[in-house]
Amino acid sequence: MMFKQHVLCALTLTCSGTLFANIPIESRGLSGADNGTVYTANNTAIQTGAGSTPTPTNLNWQLMQKNQQLENELRSLRGKMEEQDNIIEQLKSELTNRYADLDQRLELLQQKVDPSEDTEAAEDNQQGTAPSSS
């Protein structure tokens, strides 16, 4: 009984081996040129037709290239952003320096204008009242 099962199993495997041998294996070049040839497991070539629509040869390769391109663009944009941040910081410090310089000039101008008013007020004070001793 057991021998019959083994023989039946072996016979099934040998008969089904030819079914699995006819599974088509597609062969494409890396350059992207598709000649429409499909090879079976026993290396017989089958032409699928030259008019078939070409499929992307290696989708992973295209994704890697696109990823690399986006990374390069990101690096470029980050570099530009850092340059512009540096320029903004320089302009801010320059602006604060100019405001400080403007404040100093206004104070000097105010001091030049105020002493003449102070001297007039002091002269008026000296004429009208006696000096106080403290």
C-alpha atoms as a PDB file:
ATOM      1  CA  MET A   1       0.000   0.000   0.000  1.00  0.00           C
ATOM      2  CA  MET A   2       2.774   2.407   0.960  1.00  0.00           C
ATOM      3  CA  PHE A   3       4.750   1.527  -2.173  1.00  0.00           C
ATOM      4  CA  LYS A   4       1.786   2.439  -4.374  1.00  0.00           C
ATOM      5  CA  GLN A   5       1.535   5.865  -2.737  1.00  0.00           C
ATOM      6  CA  HIS A   6       5.229   6.553  -3.346  1.00  0.00           C
ATOM      7  CA  VAL A   7       4.972   5.487  -6.964  1.00  0.00           C
ATOM      8  CA  LEU A   8       1.868   7.600  -7.486  1.00  0.00           C
ATOM      9  CA  CYS A   9       3.587  10.633  -5.905  1.00  0.00           C
ATOM     10  CA  ALA A  10       6.721  10.176  -8.046  1.00  0.00           C
ATOM     11  CA  LEU A  11       4.625   9.776 -11.196  1.00  0.00           C
ATOM     12  CA  THR A  12       2.685  12.965 -10.387  1.00  0.00           C
ATOM     13  CA  LEU A  13       5.889  14.948  -9.852  1.00  0.00           C
ATOM     14  CA  THR A  14       7.485  13.811 -13.103  1.00  0.00           C
ATOM     15  CA  CYS A  15       4.350  14.564 -15.133  1.00  0.00           C
ATOM     16  CA  SER A  16       3.876  17.998 -13.607  1.00  0.00           C
ATOM     17  CA  GLY A  17       7.523  18.929 -14.167  1.00  0.00           C
ATOM     18  CA  THR A  18       6.853  19.723 -17.811  1.00  0.00           C
ATOM     19  CA  LEU A  19       4.017  22.043 -16.809  1.00  0.00           C
ATOM     20  CA  PHE A  20       6.342  24.112 -14.642  1.00  0.00           C
ATOM     21  CA  ALA A  21       9.013  24.108 -17.371  1.00  0.00           C
ATOM     22  CA  ASN A  22       6.834  26.253 -19.668  1.00  0.00           C
ATOM     23  CA  ILE A  23       6.681  29.240 -17.312  1.00  0.00           C
ATOM     24  CA  PRO A  24       7.877  32.247 -19.337  1.00  0.00           C
ATOM     25  CA  ILE A  25      10.902  34.166 -18.048  1.00  0.00           C
ATOM     26  CA  GLU A  26      11.243  37.695 -19.381  1.00  0.00           C
ATOM     27  CA  SER A  27      14.671  38.969 -20.247  1.00  0.00           C
ATOM     28  CA  ARG A  28      15.319  42.700 -20.568  1.00  0.00           C
ATOM     29  CA  GLY A  29      18.500  44.657 -20.996  1.00  0.00           C
ATOM     30  CA  LEU A  30      19.654  47.359 -18.582  1.00  0.00           C
ATOM     31  CA  SER A  31      19.695  50.027 -21.285  1.00  0.00           C
ATOM     32  CA  GLY A  32      15.926  50.051 -21.543  1.00  0.00           C
ATOM     33  CA  ALA A  33      15.736  48.672 -25.087  1.00  0.00           C
ATOM     34  CA  ASP A  34      12.987  46.083 -25.138  1.00  0.00           C
ATOM     35  CA  ASN A  35      13.234  43.675 -28.059  1.00  0.00           C
ATOM     36  CA  GLY A  36      10.082  41.821 -27.039  1.00  0.00           C
ATOM     37  CA  THR A  37      11.774  38.454 -26.406  1.00  0.00           C
ATOM     38  CA  VAL A  38      10.534  36.122 -23.695  1.00  0.00           C
ATOM     39  CA  TYR A  39      12.505  33.020 -22.748  1.00  0.00           C
ATOM     40  CA  THR A  40      10.945  29.886 -21.315  1.00  0.00           C
ATOM     41  CA  ALA A  41      12.596  27.686 -18.721  1.00  0.00           C
ATOM     42  CA  ASN A  42      14.141  25.430 -21.382  1.00  0.00           C
ATOM     43  CA  ASN A  43      15.711  28.520 -23.097  1.00  0.00           C
ATOM     44  CA  THR A  44      13.463  28.653 -26.136  1.00  0.00           C
ATOM     45  CA  ALA A  45      12.841  32.201 -27.294  1.00  0.00           C
ATOM     46  CA  ILE A  46       9.344  33.459 -27.971  1.00  0.00           C
ATOM     47  CA  GLN A  47       8.839  36.788 -29.743  1.00  0.00           C
ATOM     48  CA  THR A  48       6.074  38.800 -28.119  1.00  0.00           C
ATOM     49  CA  GLY A  49       6.022  41.376 -30.905  1.00  0.00           C
ATOM     50  CA  ALA A  50       7.904  44.573 -31.540  1.00  0.00           C
ATOM     51  CA  GLY A  51       4.763  46.681 -31.200  1.00  0.00           C
ATOM     52  CA  SER A  52       4.251  45.885 -27.542  1.00  0.00           C
ATOM     53  CA  THR A  53       4.331  48.813 -25.143  1.00  0.00           C
ATOM     54  CA  PRO A  54       7.698  49.200 -23.441  1.00  0.00           C
ATOM     55  CA  THR A  55       7.617  48.920 -19.680  1.00  0.00           C
ATOM     56  CA  PRO A  56      10.119  50.646 -17.409  1.00  0.00           C
ATOM     57  CA  THR A  57      13.235  48.539 -17.288  1.00  0.00           C
ATOM     58  CA  ASN A  58      14.047  49.024 -13.673  1.00  0.00           C
ATOM     59  CA  LEU A  59      11.587  50.947 -11.570  1.00  0.00           C
ATOM     60  CA  ASN A  60      13.864  50.809  -8.518  1.00  0.00           C
ATOM     61  CA  TRP A  61      16.707  52.400 -10.487  1.00  0.00           C
ATOM     62  CA  GLN A  62      14.442  55.209 -11.650  1.00  0.00           C
ATOM     63  CA  LEU A  63      13.229  55.780  -8.096  1.00  0.00           C
ATOM     64  CA  MET A  64      16.815  55.898  -6.834  1.00  0.00           C
ATOM     65  CA  GLN A  65      17.749  58.439  -9.508  1.00  0.00           C
ATOM     66  CA  LYS A  66      14.724  60.597  -8.716  1.00  0.00           C
ATOM     67  CA  ASN A  67      15.539  60.357  -5.007  1.00  0.00           C
ATOM     68  CA  GLN A  68      19.140  61.423  -5.663  1.00  0.00           C
ATOM     69  CA  GLN A  69      17.935  64.323  -7.818  1.00  0.00           C
ATOM     70  CA  LEU A  70      15.554  65.502  -5.076  1.00  0.00           C
ATOM     71  CA  GLU A  71      18.300  65.206  -2.438  1.00  0.00           C
ATOM     72  CA  ASN A  72      20.623  67.344  -4.576  1.00  0.00           C
ATOM     73  CA  GLU A  73      17.900  69.925  -5.051  1.00  0.00           C
ATOM     74  CA  LEU A  74      17.214  69.910  -1.312  1.00  0.00           C
ATOM     75  CA  ARG A  75      20.917  70.474  -0.565  1.00  0.00           C
ATOM     76  CA  SER A  76      20.969  73.366  -3.022  1.00  0.00           C
ATOM     77  CA  LEU A  77      17.883  74.973  -1.499  1.00  0.00           C
ATOM     78  CA  ARG A  78      19.231  74.557   2.042  1.00  0.00           C
ATOM     79  CA  GLY A  79      22.479  76.214   0.972  1.00  0.00           C
ATOM     80  CA  LYS A  80      20.587  79.147  -0.503  1.00  0.00           C
ATOM     81  CA  MET A  81      18.470  79.406   2.636  1.00  0.00           C
ATOM     82  CA  GLU A  82      21.575  79.505   4.860  1.00  0.00           C
ATOM     83  CA  GLU A  83      23.122  82.191   2.659  1.00  0.00           C
ATOM     84  CA  GLN A  84      19.961  84.277   2.875  1.00  0.00           C
ATOM     85  CA  ASP A  85      19.785  83.790   6.665  1.00  0.00           C
ATOM     86  CA  ASN A  86      23.374  85.037   6.880  1.00  0.00           C
ATOM     87  CA  ILE A  87      22.543  88.069   4.742  1.00  0.00           C
ATOM     88  CA  ILE A  88      19.497  88.815   6.914  1.00  0.00           C
ATOM     89  CA  GLU A  89      21.600  88.651  10.083  1.00  0.00           C
ATOM     90  CA  GLN A  90      24.184  90.992   8.557  1.00  0.00           C
ATOM     91  CA  LEU A  91      21.468  93.449   7.525  1.00  0.00           C
ATOM     92  CA  LYS A  92      19.938  93.330  11.015  1.00  0.00           C
ATOM     93  CA  SER A  93      23.270  94.098  12.682  1.00  0.00           C
ATOM     94  CA  GLU A  94      23.948  96.854  10.142  1.00  0.00           C
ATOM     95  CA  LEU A  95      20.516  98.334  10.850  1.00  0.00           C
ATOM     96  CA  THR A  96      21.070  98.330  14.619  1.00  0.00           C
ATOM     97  CA  ASN A  97      24.467  99.981  14.086  1.00  0.00           C
ATOM     98  CA  ARG A  98      22.870 102.675  11.942  1.00  0.00           C
ATOM     99  CA  TYR A  99      20.146 103.299  14.551  1.00  0.00           C
ATOM    100  CA  ALA A 100      22.782 103.558  17.265  1.00  0.00           C
ATOM    101  CA  ASP A 101      24.813 105.989  15.122  1.00  0.00           C
ATOM    102  CA  LEU A 102      21.664 108.024  14.399  1.00  0.00           C
ATOM    103  CA  ASP A 103      20.838 108.165  18.118  1.00  0.00           C
ATOM    104  CA  GLN A 104      24.373 109.381  18.908  1.00  0.00           C
ATOM    105  CA  ARG A 105      24.181 112.075  16.266  1.00  0.00           C
ATOM    106  CA  LEU A 106      20.776 113.228  17.497  1.00  0.00           C
ATOM    107  CA  GLU A 107      22.083 113.415  21.072  1.00  0.00           C
ATOM    108  CA  LEU A 108      25.099 115.449  19.959  1.00  0.00           C
ATOM    109  CA  LEU A 109      22.840 117.764  18.007  1.00  0.00           C
ATOM    110  CA  GLN A 110      20.527 118.082  21.005  1.00  0.00           C
ATOM    111  CA  GLN A 111      23.487 118.912  23.266  1.00  0.00           C
ATOM    112  CA  LYS A 112      24.638 121.589  20.843  1.00  0.00           C
ATOM    113  CA  VAL A 113      21.175 123.124  20.769  1.00  0.00           C
ATOM    114  CA  ASP A 114      20.467 122.808  24.513  1.00  0.00           C
ATOM    115  CA  PRO A 115      23.563 124.632  25.902  1.00  0.00           C
ATOM    116  CA  SER A 116      22.560 127.891  24.242  1.00  0.00           C
ATOM    117  CA  GLU A 117      19.116 127.624  25.805  1.00  0.00           C
ATOM    118  CA  ASP A 118      20.678 126.715  29.148  1.00  0.00           C
ATOM    119  CA  THR A 119      23.001 129.730  29.042  1.00  0.00           C
ATOM    120  CA  GLU A 120      20.098 132.062  28.247  1.00  0.00           C
ATOM    121  CA  ALA A 121      18.101 130.603  31.111  1.00  0.00           C
ATOM    122  CA  ALA A 122      21.092 130.991  33.419  1.00  0.00           C
ATOM    123  CA  GLU A 123      21.561 134.633  32.391  1.00  0.00           C
ATOM    124  CA  ASP A 124      17.886 135.341  33.031  1.00  0.00           C
ATOM    125  CA  ASN A 125      18.204 133.678  36.393  1.00  0.00           C
ATOM    126  CA  GLN A 126      21.243 135.727  37.381  1.00  0.00           C
ATOM    127  CA  GLN A 127      19.666 139.054  36.514  1.00  0.00           C
ATOM    128  CA  GLY A 128      16.354 138.526  38.352  1.00  0.00           C
ATOM    129  CA  THR A 129      17.458 136.892  41.599  1.00  0.00           C
ATOM    130  CA  ALA A 130      20.339 136.903  43.923  1.00  0.00           C
ATOM    131  CA  PRO A 131      22.610 133.891  43.885  1.00  0.00           C
ATOM    132  CA  SER A 132      21.757 131.371  46.539  1.00  0.00           C
ATOM    133  CA  SER A 133      24.468 130.006  48.757  1.00  0.00           C
ATOM    134  CA  SER A 134      24.215 126.401  49.554  1.00  0.00           C
END
